[in-house]
Amino acid sequence: MINNLRIGIGFDSHQIENGDAMTLGGIKISCNYKIIAHSDGDVVTHAICDALLGAAHLGDLGSFVPDDNSTKNLSSLVILKNIMNKLAELNMKVINIDSTFVGNVPRLEPYKNKMELKLAEVIDIDPDKVSCKATTTDGMGPEGRNEGISAYASVLLEKTK
């Protein structure tokens, strides 16, 4: 029934600096940059978390996870799992997820499938229902100048009871 469907939209961004790796979609990717963040700074997973929380009317990621030293180096997959546990308590299940990473670095083509598999594993859905895409800004803005990265996500939830 359509009254049981809920749509959420999420966004996240972080600055980047010289480094040796980034975690995106739960996958550590070697590159010449690292993310500046309290947690692991996984913008893809953060955007998905934000979209899930919005669809469930549970606020945003900032209200669910404190932005302080208690989250230092925390895996975003742990945050995602905690949100999935909360959704289960509310009898909500994920129908599908669509995410878009925005940045010049790292190039995600070799990693998108691994990201989809990892996220689907944590969310406990078929990997075919998780889409990870990537784009650049053609040199515009902080992503184009390699000052930062961002991600957008949309989700569809179903309330089952």
Protein backbone atom coordinates (compact mmCIF):
# COMPACT_ATOMS: atom_id res chain seq x y z
CA MET A 1 0.00 0.00 0.00
CA ILE A 2 1.40 3.40 -0.97
CA ASN A 3 0.61 4.98 2.41
CA ASN A 4 3.32 2.79 3.93
CA LEU A 5 6.10 4.11 1.66
CA ARG A 6 8.47 6.85 2.74
CA ILE A 7 11.13 8.68 0.73
CA GLY A 8 14.26 10.23 2.23
CA ILE A 9 16.97 12.44 0.77
CA GLY A 10 20.41 12.75 2.36
CA PHE A 11 23.54 14.83 1.85
CA ASP A 12 27.01 14.96 3.38
CA SER A 13 30.28 16.73 2.63
CA HIS A 14 33.74 16.87 4.13
CA GLN A 15 36.99 18.64 3.46
CA ILE A 16 39.93 16.57 2.26
CA GLU A 17 43.68 16.96 2.60
CA ASN A 18 46.83 15.13 1.53
CA GLY A 19 46.85 11.59 2.86
CA ASP A 20 46.88 7.98 1.78
CA ALA A 21 43.28 6.68 1.77
CA MET A 22 39.56 7.41 2.10
CA THR A 23 36.69 5.20 3.19
CA LEU A 24 33.66 5.50 0.92
CA GLY A 25 30.64 3.22 0.99
CA GLY A 26 32.41 1.21 3.68
CA ILE A 27 35.40 0.45 1.43
CA LYS A 28 38.90 1.79 2.16
CA ILE A 29 40.30 3.22 -1.06
CA SER A 30 43.98 4.06 -1.47
CA CYS A 31 44.56 7.54 -2.90
CA ASN A 32 46.60 10.69 -2.24
CA TYR A 33 43.96 12.26 0.02
CA LYS A 34 42.22 11.66 3.34
CA ILE A 35 38.95 12.94 4.73
CA ILE A 36 38.92 15.51 7.54
CA ALA A 37 36.22 14.34 9.96
CA HIS A 38 35.46 13.17 13.49
CA SER A 39 34.40 9.70 12.30
CA ASP A 40 35.85 8.00 9.23
CA GLY A 41 34.13 10.74 7.17
CA ASP A 42 32.52 8.28 4.74
CA VAL A 43 30.32 10.79 2.88
CA VAL A 44 28.50 8.09 0.88
CA THR A 45 27.43 6.16 3.99
CA HIS A 46 26.68 9.40 5.84
CA ALA A 47 24.38 10.59 3.04
CA ILE A 48 22.59 7.22 3.08
CA CYS A 49 22.23 7.40 6.89
CA ASP A 50 20.84 10.93 6.61
CA ALA A 51 18.31 9.81 3.98
CA LEU A 52 17.22 6.81 6.10
CA LEU A 53 16.73 9.00 9.16
CA GLY A 54 14.74 11.54 7.15
CA ALA A 55 12.47 8.92 5.60
CA ALA A 56 11.76 7.49 9.07
CA HIS A 57 11.15 10.99 10.51
CA LEU A 58 14.03 10.54 12.99
CA GLY A 59 15.84 13.81 12.32
CA ASP A 60 19.19 14.15 10.59
CA LEU A 61 22.57 12.52 11.04
CA GLY A 62 23.77 15.34 13.28
CA SER A 63 20.93 14.72 15.72
CA PHE A 64 21.52 10.94 15.69
CA VAL A 65 25.32 10.99 16.08
CA PRO A 66 27.14 13.65 18.12
CA ASP A 67 29.82 15.66 16.30
CA ASP A 68 32.43 15.35 19.05
CA ASN A 69 35.41 13.26 20.13
CA SER A 70 33.16 10.30 21.04
CA THR A 71 32.96 9.52 17.33
CA LYS A 72 36.70 9.80 16.65
CA ASN A 73 37.55 7.34 13.83
CA LEU A 74 34.16 5.63 14.25
CA SER A 75 33.25 3.46 11.26
CA SER A 76 30.26 4.85 9.42
CA LEU A 77 29.11 1.26 8.96
CA VAL A 78 28.56 1.11 12.74
CA ILE A 79 26.39 4.22 12.49
CA LEU A 80 24.49 2.65 9.58
CA LYS A 81 23.95 -0.57 11.53
CA ASN A 82 22.62 1.40 14.53
CA ILE A 83 20.17 3.21 12.25
CA MET A 84 19.09 -0.10 10.71
CA ASN A 85 18.42 -1.46 14.22
CA LYS A 86 16.26 1.59 14.97
CA LEU A 87 14.35 1.15 11.70
CA ALA A 88 13.71 -2.51 12.57
CA GLU A 89 12.24 -1.41 15.92
CA LEU A 90 9.88 0.85 13.94
CA ASN A 91 8.96 -1.96 11.52
CA MET A 92 10.57 -0.22 8.56
CA LYS A 93 12.50 -1.92 5.81
CA VAL A 94 14.61 -0.51 2.99
CA ILE A 95 13.19 -0.96 -0.49
CA ASN A 96 16.12 0.63 -2.36
CA ILE A 97 18.94 3.17 -2.12
CA ASP A 98 20.47 5.43 -4.76
CA SER A 99 23.65 7.37 -3.94
CA THR A 100 25.93 9.73 -5.86
CA PHE A 101 29.50 10.58 -4.79
CA VAL A 102 30.72 14.00 -5.97
CA GLY A 103 34.46 14.55 -6.30
CA ASN A 104 37.53 14.26 -8.49
CA VAL A 105 39.32 11.90 -6.12
CA PRO A 106 39.32 9.04 -5.71
CA ARG A 107 38.05 7.58 -8.97
CA LEU A 108 35.31 5.18 -7.87
CA GLU A 109 34.75 3.09 -10.98
CA PRO A 110 36.79 0.10 -9.72
CA TYR A 111 35.06 0.23 -6.30
CA LYS A 112 31.36 0.89 -6.92
CA ASN A 113 30.37 -2.78 -6.98
CA LYS A 114 32.31 -3.48 -3.75
CA MET A 115 30.61 -0.48 -2.12
CA GLU A 116 27.17 -1.73 -3.15
CA LEU A 117 27.94 -5.20 -1.79
CA LYS A 118 29.26 -3.87 1.54
CA LEU A 119 26.34 -1.48 2.08
CA ALA A 120 23.80 -4.16 1.12
CA GLU A 121 25.40 -6.54 3.62
CA VAL A 122 25.03 -4.05 6.50
CA ILE A 123 21.51 -3.04 5.44
CA ASP A 124 20.56 -6.69 4.82
CA ILE A 125 19.07 -6.24 1.36
CA ASP A 126 19.84 -7.53 -2.11
CA PRO A 127 22.88 -5.68 -3.58
CA ASP A 128 20.77 -5.02 -6.68
CA LYS A 129 18.76 -2.59 -4.53
CA VAL A 130 21.79 -0.41 -3.69
CA SER A 131 23.18 1.93 -6.33
CA CYS A 132 26.49 3.77 -5.93
CA LYS A 133 27.30 6.29 -8.64
CA ALA A 134 29.97 8.97 -8.99
CA THR A 135 30.39 12.27 -10.76
CA THR A 136 32.70 15.27 -10.87
CA THR A 137 31.89 18.97 -11.01
CA ASP A 138 34.10 19.63 -14.05
CA GLY A 139 36.51 21.67 -11.95
CA MET A 140 33.89 23.81 -10.19
CA GLY A 141 33.55 24.31 -6.44
CA PRO A 142 35.40 22.62 -3.57
CA GLU A 143 35.06 19.16 -5.17
CA GLY A 144 36.51 20.47 -8.42
CA ARG A 145 39.45 22.08 -6.61
CA ASN A 146 40.10 18.89 -4.56
CA GLU A 147 39.28 20.76 -1.35
CA GLY A 148 36.36 18.49 -0.47
CA ILE A 149 34.01 15.70 -1.45
CA SER A 150 30.28 15.23 -1.05
CA ALA A 151 27.52 12.71 -1.60
CA TYR A 152 23.76 12.63 -2.09
CA ALA A 153 21.44 9.71 -1.41
CA SER A 154 17.79 8.90 -1.76
CA VAL A 155 16.03 5.98 -0.10
CA LEU A 156 12.65 4.35 -0.20
CA LEU A 157 11.38 2.75 3.03
CA GLU A 158 8.31 0.69 3.69
CA LYS A 159 6.55 0.57 7.05
CA THR A 160 5.55 -3.07 7.37
CA LYS A 161 3.18 -2.86 10.37
